[in-house]
Protein backbone atom coordinates (compact mmCIF):
# COMPACT_ATOMS: atom_id res chain seq x y z
CA MET A 1 27.20 -152.37 -165.17
CA PHE A 2 25.97 -155.87 -165.97
CA LYS A 3 23.24 -155.90 -168.62
CA SER A 4 21.48 -159.07 -167.49
CA ILE A 5 21.56 -161.96 -165.04
CA ALA A 6 23.18 -164.12 -167.71
CA ASP A 7 25.84 -161.44 -168.12
CA VAL A 8 26.63 -161.76 -164.40
CA THR A 9 26.90 -165.55 -164.68
CA ASP A 10 29.20 -165.31 -167.70
CA GLY A 11 31.35 -162.66 -166.04
CA LEU A 12 31.81 -164.76 -162.91
CA LEU A 13 32.57 -167.86 -164.98
CA LYS A 14 35.40 -166.00 -166.71
CA GLN A 15 36.85 -165.51 -163.21
CA GLN A 16 36.48 -169.28 -162.58
CA TYR A 17 33.51 -168.84 -160.26
CA LEU A 18 30.54 -171.11 -160.98
CA SER A 19 27.49 -169.10 -160.06
CA SER A 20 23.98 -170.36 -159.45
CA ASN A 21 20.97 -168.51 -160.79
CA ASP A 22 20.18 -167.29 -157.26
CA ILE A 23 23.64 -165.78 -156.82
CA SER A 24 23.66 -164.09 -160.22
CA THR A 25 20.17 -162.67 -159.66
CA VAL A 26 21.10 -161.18 -156.28
CA LEU A 27 24.27 -159.56 -157.63
CA PHE A 28 22.39 -158.15 -160.63
CA LEU A 29 19.63 -156.67 -158.48
CA ALA A 30 22.06 -155.33 -155.85
CA GLU A 31 23.97 -153.40 -158.49
CA ARG A 32 20.79 -151.99 -160.03
CA LEU A 33 19.27 -151.09 -156.65
CA GLY A 34 22.51 -149.67 -155.25
CA LYS A 35 22.28 -151.92 -152.19
CA PRO A 36 24.92 -154.02 -150.40
CA VAL A 37 24.78 -157.80 -150.56
CA LEU A 38 24.79 -159.78 -147.32
CA ALA A 39 26.02 -163.31 -148.04
CA GLU A 40 25.56 -165.77 -145.18
CA GLY A 41 26.45 -169.44 -144.99
CA PRO A 42 28.96 -171.97 -143.66
CA ALA A 43 32.65 -171.12 -143.75
CA GLY A 44 34.46 -172.10 -146.91
CA VAL A 45 31.56 -172.20 -149.37
CA GLY A 46 32.96 -169.41 -151.54
CA LYS A 47 31.55 -166.16 -150.12
CA THR A 48 34.88 -164.34 -150.12
CA GLU A 49 35.76 -165.78 -153.52
CA LEU A 50 32.45 -164.45 -154.79
CA ALA A 51 33.46 -160.91 -153.84
CA LYS A 52 36.82 -161.31 -155.59
CA ALA A 53 35.19 -162.70 -158.73
CA TRP A 54 32.48 -160.00 -158.67
CA ALA A 55 35.08 -157.26 -158.47
CA ALA A 56 37.18 -158.75 -161.28
CA ALA A 57 34.14 -159.36 -163.50
CA ALA A 58 33.03 -155.75 -163.02
CA GLY A 59 36.55 -154.46 -163.67
CA ARG A 60 36.79 -152.88 -160.21
CA GLU A 61 39.49 -152.81 -157.56
CA LEU A 62 38.65 -154.94 -154.52
CA ILE A 63 39.00 -153.22 -151.13
CA ARG A 64 38.74 -155.68 -148.24
CA LEU A 65 37.90 -155.02 -144.61
CA GLN A 66 38.67 -158.16 -142.60
CA CYS A 67 36.49 -158.07 -139.50
CA TYR A 68 37.44 -159.37 -136.06
CA GLU A 69 36.37 -158.99 -132.46
CA GLY A 70 37.30 -155.55 -131.14
CA LEU A 71 37.40 -153.86 -134.55
CA ASP A 72 36.46 -150.19 -134.20
CA GLU A 73 35.89 -147.31 -136.58
CA THR A 74 39.44 -145.94 -136.29
CA LYS A 75 40.77 -149.21 -137.72
CA ALA A 76 37.98 -149.54 -140.29
CA LEU A 77 37.47 -145.92 -141.37
CA TYR A 78 40.45 -143.62 -140.83
CA GLU A 79 43.06 -142.35 -138.43
CA TRP A 80 44.13 -138.72 -138.08
CA GLU A 81 47.91 -138.44 -138.22
CA TYR A 82 48.54 -135.94 -135.47
CA ALA A 83 52.28 -136.59 -135.50
CA LYS A 84 52.46 -135.72 -139.19
CA GLN A 85 50.38 -132.59 -138.59
CA MET A 86 52.75 -131.50 -135.81
CA LEU A 87 55.75 -132.09 -138.05
CA TYR A 88 54.23 -129.87 -140.76
CA THR A 89 53.62 -127.16 -138.14
CA GLN A 90 57.24 -127.28 -137.01
CA LEU A 91 58.58 -127.22 -140.56
CA LEU A 92 56.40 -124.24 -141.49
CA ARG A 93 57.04 -122.29 -138.30
CA ASP A 94 59.27 -119.71 -140.02
CA LYS A 95 56.71 -119.26 -142.79
CA LEU A 96 54.00 -118.68 -140.21
CA GLN A 97 56.05 -116.05 -138.43
CA SER A 98 56.60 -114.09 -141.65
CA LEU A 99 52.90 -114.44 -142.51
CA LEU A 100 51.88 -112.90 -139.19
CA THR A 101 54.57 -110.20 -139.01
CA ASP A 102 52.47 -107.48 -140.64
CA SER A 103 49.40 -108.14 -138.49
CA GLN A 104 48.47 -105.08 -136.43
CA THR A 105 46.07 -106.82 -134.10
CA LEU A 106 45.46 -110.26 -132.72
CA ALA A 107 42.24 -110.48 -134.74
CA GLN A 108 44.15 -109.81 -137.97
CA ALA A 109 46.67 -112.50 -137.10
CA ALA A 110 43.85 -114.95 -136.37
CA ASP A 111 42.16 -114.13 -139.68
CA LYS A 112 45.38 -114.69 -141.63
CA LEU A 113 46.02 -117.95 -139.84
CA ALA A 114 42.44 -119.10 -140.51
CA SER A 115 42.86 -118.42 -144.22
CA GLU A 116 45.70 -120.91 -144.27
CA GLU A 117 44.11 -123.59 -142.09
CA ASP A 118 43.49 -125.88 -145.07
CA VAL A 119 47.23 -126.51 -145.02
CA PHE A 120 46.95 -128.03 -141.55
CA PHE A 121 43.47 -129.57 -141.74
CA SER A 122 43.28 -131.50 -144.99
CA GLU A 123 43.14 -135.04 -146.36
CA ARG A 124 46.93 -135.15 -146.37
CA PHE A 125 46.75 -135.94 -142.66
CA LEU A 126 44.14 -138.66 -143.06
CA LEU A 127 45.34 -142.25 -142.97
CA PRO A 128 42.46 -143.96 -144.81
CA ARG A 129 41.34 -147.43 -143.78
CA PRO A 130 39.25 -149.71 -146.04
CA LEU A 131 35.87 -148.00 -145.55
CA LEU A 132 37.21 -144.53 -146.28
CA LYS A 133 39.27 -145.84 -149.21
CA ALA A 134 36.06 -147.14 -150.78
CA ILE A 135 34.27 -143.84 -150.20
CA VAL A 136 36.94 -141.50 -151.60
CA ALA A 137 38.21 -143.78 -154.38
CA ASP A 138 38.71 -142.01 -157.70
CA LYS A 139 37.27 -145.00 -159.59
CA PRO A 140 34.35 -147.34 -158.81
CA VAL A 141 35.46 -150.13 -156.46
CA THR A 142 34.08 -153.25 -154.81
CA LEU A 143 34.10 -153.26 -151.01
CA LEU A 144 34.28 -156.60 -149.18
CA ILE A 145 33.36 -156.52 -145.48
CA ASP A 146 34.46 -160.02 -144.58
CA GLU A 147 33.05 -161.97 -141.61
CA VAL A 148 31.02 -159.07 -140.26
CA ASP A 149 29.50 -161.43 -137.67
CA ARG A 150 32.84 -161.41 -135.80
CA THR A 151 32.46 -157.73 -134.91
CA ASP A 152 30.66 -156.26 -131.92
CA PRO A 153 27.05 -155.03 -132.22
CA GLU A 154 28.36 -151.47 -131.70
CA PHE A 155 30.49 -151.68 -134.84
CA GLU A 156 27.59 -153.20 -136.73
CA ALA A 157 25.51 -150.17 -135.73
CA PHE A 158 28.27 -147.88 -136.98
CA LEU A 159 28.17 -149.66 -140.35
CA LEU A 160 24.48 -148.84 -140.75
CA GLU A 161 25.18 -145.13 -141.24
CA VAL A 162 28.07 -145.72 -143.60
CA LEU A 163 26.18 -148.25 -145.75
CA SER A 164 23.01 -146.16 -145.87
CA ASP A 165 24.53 -142.92 -147.18
CA PHE A 166 28.06 -143.91 -148.21
CA GLN A 167 29.41 -140.84 -146.51
CA VAL A 168 31.36 -140.10 -143.35
CA SER A 169 31.92 -137.00 -141.25
CA VAL A 170 35.52 -136.13 -140.34
CA PRO A 171 35.54 -133.46 -137.61
CA GLU A 172 38.73 -131.83 -138.88
CA ILE A 173 37.55 -131.63 -142.50
CA GLY A 174 33.79 -132.10 -142.85
CA THR A 175 31.61 -134.63 -144.64
CA LEU A 176 33.21 -136.85 -147.25
CA ARG A 177 30.75 -138.39 -149.72
CA ALA A 178 31.34 -141.31 -152.04
CA ARG A 179 32.61 -140.14 -155.41
CA HIS A 180 31.42 -143.38 -156.98
CA MET A 181 28.88 -145.81 -155.54
CA PRO A 182 30.83 -148.94 -154.57
CA LEU A 183 29.60 -152.50 -154.96
CA VAL A 184 29.45 -153.86 -151.41
CA LEU A 185 29.41 -157.46 -150.24
CA LEU A 186 29.26 -158.40 -146.56
CA THR A 187 29.92 -162.00 -145.54
CA SER A 188 28.84 -163.83 -142.40
CA ASN A 189 29.55 -167.35 -141.15
CA ASN A 190 26.57 -167.19 -138.76
CA THR A 191 28.68 -167.14 -135.59
CA ARG A 192 26.10 -164.70 -134.21
CA GLU A 193 22.77 -163.31 -135.36
CA LEU A 194 23.06 -160.05 -137.24
CA SER A 195 20.60 -157.23 -136.58
CA GLU A 196 17.41 -156.82 -138.57
CA ALA A 197 18.48 -153.23 -139.28
CA LEU A 198 21.59 -154.43 -141.12
CA LYS A 199 19.70 -157.12 -143.03
CA ARG A 200 17.04 -154.60 -144.04
CA ARG A 201 19.65 -152.46 -145.77
CA CYS A 202 21.03 -155.37 -147.79
CA VAL A 203 19.99 -157.80 -150.49
CA TYR A 204 20.16 -161.14 -148.68
CA LEU A 205 21.92 -164.21 -150.08
CA PHE A 206 22.42 -167.58 -148.43
CA ILE A 207 25.18 -169.78 -149.86
CA ASP A 208 25.06 -173.39 -148.64
CA TYR A 209 27.25 -176.38 -149.38
CA PRO A 210 26.85 -177.26 -153.06
CA THR A 211 25.15 -180.34 -154.39
CA ALA A 212 27.37 -183.20 -155.58
CA GLU A 213 26.85 -182.17 -159.19
CA ALA A 214 27.73 -178.53 -158.53
CA GLU A 215 30.76 -179.41 -156.41
CA LEU A 216 32.02 -181.78 -159.11
CA ARG A 217 31.83 -178.92 -161.62
CA VAL A 218 33.85 -176.73 -159.24
CA VAL A 219 36.52 -179.41 -158.79
CA ARG A 220 36.75 -180.02 -162.54
CA LEU A 221 37.11 -176.27 -163.11
CA LYS A 222 39.65 -175.61 -160.35
CA VAL A 223 41.64 -178.84 -160.66
CA PRO A 224 41.47 -179.79 -164.35
CA ASP A 225 44.39 -182.24 -164.05
CA LEU A 226 42.43 -184.55 -161.75
CA ALA A 227 41.09 -187.62 -163.57
CA PRO A 228 37.31 -187.35 -164.08
CA ALA A 229 36.56 -190.67 -162.36
CA LEU A 230 38.74 -189.75 -159.39
CA ALA A 231 37.14 -186.30 -159.17
CA LYS A 232 33.72 -187.94 -158.87
CA GLN A 233 34.99 -190.35 -156.19
CA ALA A 234 36.50 -187.47 -154.23
CA VAL A 235 33.33 -185.37 -154.37
CA ASP A 236 31.16 -188.35 -153.41
CA LEU A 237 33.36 -188.93 -150.37
CA VAL A 238 33.19 -185.29 -149.28
CA GLN A 239 29.41 -185.30 -149.66
CA ARG A 240 29.23 -188.38 -147.43
CA LEU A 241 31.52 -186.84 -144.83
CA ARG A 242 29.18 -183.86 -144.58
CA ARG A 243 26.38 -186.21 -143.59
CA LEU A 244 28.32 -187.30 -140.52
CA ASP A 245 27.86 -185.55 -137.18
CA LEU A 246 31.10 -183.51 -137.41
CA LYS A 247 32.24 -180.46 -135.53
CA LYS A 248 33.24 -178.88 -138.84
CA SER A 249 32.22 -180.30 -142.18
CA PRO A 250 34.66 -180.11 -145.11
CA SER A 251 34.38 -176.83 -146.99
CA VAL A 252 34.49 -176.44 -150.74
CA SER A 253 37.94 -174.88 -150.47
CA GLU A 254 39.14 -177.94 -148.56
CA THR A 255 37.68 -180.21 -151.24
CA ILE A 256 39.73 -178.30 -153.80
CA ASP A 257 42.88 -178.57 -151.67
CA TRP A 258 42.36 -182.32 -151.32
CA ALA A 259 41.80 -182.69 -155.06
CA LYS A 260 45.06 -180.84 -155.72
CA ALA A 261 46.83 -183.17 -153.29
CA LEU A 262 45.53 -186.21 -155.17
CA VAL A 263 47.00 -184.78 -158.36
CA MET A 264 50.34 -184.30 -156.58
CA LEU A 265 50.20 -187.96 -155.52
CA ASN A 266 49.62 -189.00 -159.14
CA ALA A 267 46.47 -190.77 -158.02
CA GLN A 268 44.22 -192.54 -160.53
CA HIS A 269 41.90 -194.14 -157.96
CA LEU A 270 41.30 -193.83 -154.23
CA ASP A 271 42.39 -196.53 -151.84
CA LYS A 272 41.57 -196.71 -148.16
CA GLU A 273 45.16 -196.13 -147.02
CA THR A 274 45.38 -192.87 -148.94
CA LEU A 275 42.03 -191.76 -147.56
CA ASP A 276 43.18 -192.57 -144.05
CA THR A 277 46.41 -190.58 -144.38
CA THR A 278 44.94 -187.54 -146.18
CA LEU A 279 41.79 -187.01 -144.15
CA THR A 280 43.40 -184.06 -142.36
CA LEU A 281 43.20 -182.10 -145.59
CA LEU A 282 39.42 -182.30 -145.25
CA LEU A 283 38.89 -182.47 -141.50
CA LYS A 284 40.53 -180.05 -139.06
CA HIS A 285 39.44 -181.45 -135.69
CA GLU A 286 40.87 -184.65 -134.26
CA ALA A 287 37.46 -185.86 -133.11
CA ASP A 288 36.16 -185.50 -136.67
CA VAL A 289 39.17 -187.37 -138.06
CA GLN A 290 38.64 -190.23 -135.59
CA ARG A 291 34.92 -190.39 -136.42
CA ALA A 292 35.64 -190.58 -140.15
CA ARG A 293 38.35 -193.21 -139.63
CA ALA A 294 35.89 -195.26 -137.59
CA ALA A 295 33.44 -195.07 -140.47
CA LEU A 296 36.24 -196.13 -142.83
CA ASP A 297 37.05 -199.13 -140.62
CA ASP A 298 33.39 -200.11 -140.49
CA SER A 299 33.37 -200.40 -144.29
CA ARG A 300 36.34 -202.78 -144.39
CA PRO A 301 36.18 -206.58 -144.12
CA ALA A 302 36.16 -207.69 -140.48
CA SER A 303 39.58 -209.35 -140.80
CA ARG A 304 41.21 -206.04 -141.80
CA ARG A 305 39.56 -203.78 -139.27
CA ARG A 306 41.52 -202.12 -136.48
CA PRO A 307 39.98 -201.36 -133.07
CA SER A 308 37.46 -198.56 -133.46
CA PRO A 309 38.47 -195.37 -131.55
CA GLY A 310 34.92 -194.14 -131.20
CA PRO A 311 31.23 -194.93 -131.60
CA ASP A 312 29.79 -196.30 -134.81
CA SER A 313 29.47 -193.37 -137.23
CA GLY A 314 27.89 -195.17 -140.15
CA ASP A 315 29.27 -196.50 -143.40
CA ILE A 316 30.36 -193.66 -145.67
CA PHE A 317 32.33 -195.82 -148.12
CA ASP A 318 30.85 -198.07 -150.75
CA GLY A 319 33.55 -200.72 -150.48
CA ASN A 320 34.48 -200.35 -154.16
CA ILE A 321 37.43 -197.96 -153.83
CA ARG A 322 40.24 -199.43 -155.86
CA PRO A 323 43.95 -199.39 -154.99
CA LEU A 324 45.82 -196.16 -155.59
CA LYS A 325 48.05 -196.20 -158.66
CA ARG A 326 51.17 -194.07 -158.84
CA ILE A 327 53.15 -193.15 -161.92
């Protein structure tokens, strides 16, 4: 258990996750209160990475449930292996016959068979899925329920019972309770509004795009080989792109990928040609790429501009990007 908020921050930093005071406070309180964390925000701002870093910092195994449309409790909780149960029955048929041979009445045979039913109705026939794995784990774990907003409201309602009591009823066995209280983090990209009932059971956390200063620290941490001046140029460009009217703004993970690409290109400075040819590392929709390229053209001298493919998107470049140097 973390001793303080600063302890949380230091633990996450050791896992190369730069935490804000808000994030560290929420994680600290969630652990002390025994409540799940619901982290909402745009895709790619580090919500899933937070769960991984939290688990590693706490010294716990990470169990991940990746949510999607149509996910139901049999895929999230457990499946009963009827085929395996039938195979056991067939293999033990001779043993059953000898067990029942001395029975004088049908009631005696039923009683003897009932005394052995644990052989046929036990956890050996359970195929645990992520939720059940977290509940029956022998050691404390961290449970990540990723992109819960992609599920149906019915599955969300099912989660309420599991997250409230951390127990589940299996008809063939009975109620299975958590042996150790897991740390739980749910993520949402806001593709739909989650219920108030779910939010009420969680400690809420909103993670937005970072400031330029915070994003620069992330890039310097994740891509230490990138020249400091170039790292600042790259982050400034990404921050400007996010101010455009894009279908999907560049995520922090895409900023990191682009920074790594610049290292692979042996770049010392950004030039407009390199920006033009590497924009698809940051932007994943053609309309967004065209809008950014139009903004790039608008920042160039009139004699070097090409015909604009779209409406004026504003000047996102300062005109001082120097030629790319390669080693």
